[in-house]
Amino acid sequence: MVLLAALWGLSVYAGWGLEAFCAGGEPPEECAGRMTLVIAVSSLFAVVATVLTIGAWLTWRARLLVYAIAAWMGAEGVLFVGGMVAQ
């Protein structure tokens, strides 16, 4: 989960997502504007994933771990599919 969180964080905050999806021939401002919406939606999944991850670590419940992993994958999936659409 830490690796999934790191991948999501680098994609959003280090500019990996913008580099991957906005490196085409159009002006970067237009693509970055569309990616802002994608990042906002993905952030909702990431917040849920963070809460589930912390809850799973504090309570040692395996079911919460599964839900946390699914939420992180959802955050990454929204970022990827949204980036493809934003292109």
C-alpha atoms as a PDB file:
ATOM      1  CA  MET A   1       0.000   0.000   0.000  1.00  0.00           C
ATOM      2  CA  VAL A   2       2.893   2.325   0.653  1.00  0.00           C
ATOM      3  CA  LEU A   3       4.132   1.746  -2.884  1.00  0.00           C
ATOM      4  CA  LEU A   4       0.682   2.384  -4.342  1.00  0.00           C
ATOM      5  CA  ALA A   5       0.420   5.565  -2.282  1.00  0.00           C
ATOM      6  CA  ALA A   6       3.884   6.647  -3.437  1.00  0.00           C
ATOM      7  CA  LEU A   7       3.003   5.986  -7.078  1.00  0.00           C
ATOM      8  CA  TRP A   8      -0.196   7.991  -6.745  1.00  0.00           C
ATOM      9  CA  GLY A   9       1.561  10.824  -4.925  1.00  0.00           C
ATOM     10  CA  LEU A  10       4.333  11.068  -7.486  1.00  0.00           C
ATOM     11  CA  SER A  11       1.816  10.959 -10.330  1.00  0.00           C
ATOM     12  CA  VAL A  12      -0.164  13.816  -8.814  1.00  0.00           C
ATOM     13  CA  TYR A  13       2.326  15.999  -6.955  1.00  0.00           C
ATOM     14  CA  ALA A  14       5.613  15.372  -8.789  1.00  0.00           C
ATOM     15  CA  GLY A  15       4.079  15.913 -12.211  1.00  0.00           C
ATOM     16  CA  TRP A  16       4.357  12.366 -13.534  1.00  0.00           C
ATOM     17  CA  GLY A  17       0.703  12.433 -14.608  1.00  0.00           C
ATOM     18  CA  LEU A  18       1.076  15.709 -16.468  1.00  0.00           C
ATOM     19  CA  GLU A  19       4.247  14.484 -18.133  1.00  0.00           C
ATOM     20  CA  ALA A  20       2.612  11.233 -19.194  1.00  0.00           C
ATOM     21  CA  PHE A  21      -0.661  12.620 -20.506  1.00  0.00           C
ATOM     22  CA  CYS A  22       0.077  16.233 -21.473  1.00  0.00           C
ATOM     23  CA  ALA A  23       3.285  15.873 -23.473  1.00  0.00           C
ATOM     24  CA  GLY A  24       1.493  16.023 -26.837  1.00  0.00           C
ATOM     25  CA  GLY A  25       1.294  18.846 -29.326  1.00  0.00           C
ATOM     26  CA  GLU A  26      -1.436  20.906 -27.646  1.00  0.00           C
ATOM     27  CA  PRO A  27      -0.770  23.777 -25.229  1.00  0.00           C
ATOM     28  CA  PRO A  28       0.082  22.381 -21.787  1.00  0.00           C
ATOM     29  CA  GLU A  29      -2.362  24.725 -20.029  1.00  0.00           C
ATOM     30  CA  GLU A  30      -5.391  23.130 -21.716  1.00  0.00           C
ATOM     31  CA  CYS A  31      -4.395  19.588 -20.810  1.00  0.00           C
ATOM     32  CA  ALA A  32      -3.378  20.626 -17.296  1.00  0.00           C
ATOM     33  CA  GLY A  33      -6.825  22.144 -16.801  1.00  0.00           C
ATOM     34  CA  ARG A  34      -8.503  18.871 -17.732  1.00  0.00           C
ATOM     35  CA  MET A  35      -6.080  16.907 -15.555  1.00  0.00           C
ATOM     36  CA  THR A  36      -7.043  19.053 -12.561  1.00  0.00           C
ATOM     37  CA  LEU A  37     -10.528  17.540 -12.610  1.00  0.00           C
ATOM     38  CA  VAL A  38      -9.085  14.034 -12.982  1.00  0.00           C
ATOM     39  CA  ILE A  39      -6.756  14.620 -10.036  1.00  0.00           C
ATOM     40  CA  ALA A  40      -9.643  15.910  -7.908  1.00  0.00           C
ATOM     41  CA  VAL A  41     -11.724  12.784  -8.548  1.00  0.00           C
ATOM     42  CA  SER A  42      -8.723  10.546  -7.985  1.00  0.00           C
ATOM     43  CA  SER A  43      -8.021  12.389  -4.725  1.00  0.00           C
ATOM     44  CA  LEU A  44     -11.396  11.287  -3.370  1.00  0.00           C
ATOM     45  CA  PHE A  45     -10.380   7.666  -3.854  1.00  0.00           C
ATOM     46  CA  ALA A  46      -6.987   8.395  -2.318  1.00  0.00           C
ATOM     47  CA  VAL A  47      -8.538   9.919   0.804  1.00  0.00           C
ATOM     48  CA  VAL A  48     -10.738   6.846   1.266  1.00  0.00           C
ATOM     49  CA  ALA A  49      -7.719   4.620   0.666  1.00  0.00           C
ATOM     50  CA  THR A  50      -5.677   6.519   3.242  1.00  0.00           C
ATOM     51  CA  VAL A  51      -8.384   6.212   5.875  1.00  0.00           C
ATOM     52  CA  LEU A  52      -8.801   2.502   5.162  1.00  0.00           C
ATOM     53  CA  THR A  53      -5.044   1.949   5.258  1.00  0.00           C
ATOM     54  CA  ILE A  54      -4.657   3.657   8.617  1.00  0.00           C
ATOM     55  CA  GLY A  55      -7.678   1.800   9.971  1.00  0.00           C
ATOM     56  CA  ALA A  56      -6.306  -1.521   8.756  1.00  0.00           C
ATOM     57  CA  TRP A  57      -2.909  -0.892  10.327  1.00  0.00           C
ATOM     58  CA  LEU A  58      -4.410   0.184  13.649  1.00  0.00           C
ATOM     59  CA  THR A  59      -6.964  -2.624  13.944  1.00  0.00           C
ATOM     60  CA  TRP A  60      -5.102  -5.420  12.116  1.00  0.00           C
ATOM     61  CA  ARG A  61      -8.182  -6.388  10.103  1.00  0.00           C
ATOM     62  CA  ALA A  62      -7.405  -8.174   6.868  1.00  0.00           C
ATOM     63  CA  ARG A  63     -10.676  -7.146   5.249  1.00  0.00           C
ATOM     64  CA  LEU A  64      -9.770  -3.474   5.622  1.00  0.00           C
ATOM     65  CA  LEU A  65      -6.435  -4.179   3.945  1.00  0.00           C
ATOM     66  CA  VAL A  66      -8.237  -5.626   0.941  1.00  0.00           C
ATOM     67  CA  TYR A  67     -10.535  -2.605   0.765  1.00  0.00           C
ATOM     68  CA  ALA A  68      -7.569  -0.247   1.105  1.00  0.00           C
ATOM     69  CA  ILE A  69      -5.723  -1.928  -1.748  1.00  0.00           C
ATOM     70  CA  ALA A  70      -8.859  -1.760  -3.898  1.00  0.00           C
ATOM     71  CA  ALA A  71      -9.254   1.953  -3.104  1.00  0.00           C
ATOM     72  CA  TRP A  72      -5.612   2.674  -4.010  1.00  0.00           C
ATOM     73  CA  MET A  73      -6.051   0.790  -7.255  1.00  0.00           C
ATOM     74  CA  GLY A  74      -9.227   2.784  -7.876  1.00  0.00           C
ATOM     75  CA  ALA A  75      -7.320   6.042  -7.340  1.00  0.00           C
ATOM     76  CA  GLU A  76      -4.638   4.917  -9.774  1.00  0.00           C
ATOM     77  CA  GLY A  77      -7.251   3.692 -12.252  1.00  0.00           C
ATOM     78  CA  VAL A  78      -9.158   6.963 -12.211  1.00  0.00           C
ATOM     79  CA  LEU A  79      -5.887   8.811 -12.747  1.00  0.00           C
ATOM     80  CA  PHE A  80      -4.929   6.591 -15.692  1.00  0.00           C
ATOM     81  CA  VAL A  81      -8.325   6.447 -17.427  1.00  0.00           C
ATOM     82  CA  GLY A  82      -8.946  10.133 -16.774  1.00  0.00           C
ATOM     83  CA  GLY A  83      -5.525  10.961 -18.173  1.00  0.00           C
ATOM     84  CA  MET A  84      -6.258   8.990 -21.300  1.00  0.00           C
ATOM     85  CA  VAL A  85      -9.546  10.860 -21.715  1.00  0.00           C
ATOM     86  CA  ALA A  86      -7.860  14.220 -21.012  1.00  0.00           C
ATOM     87  CA  GLN A  87      -5.388  13.570 -23.805  1.00  0.00           C
END
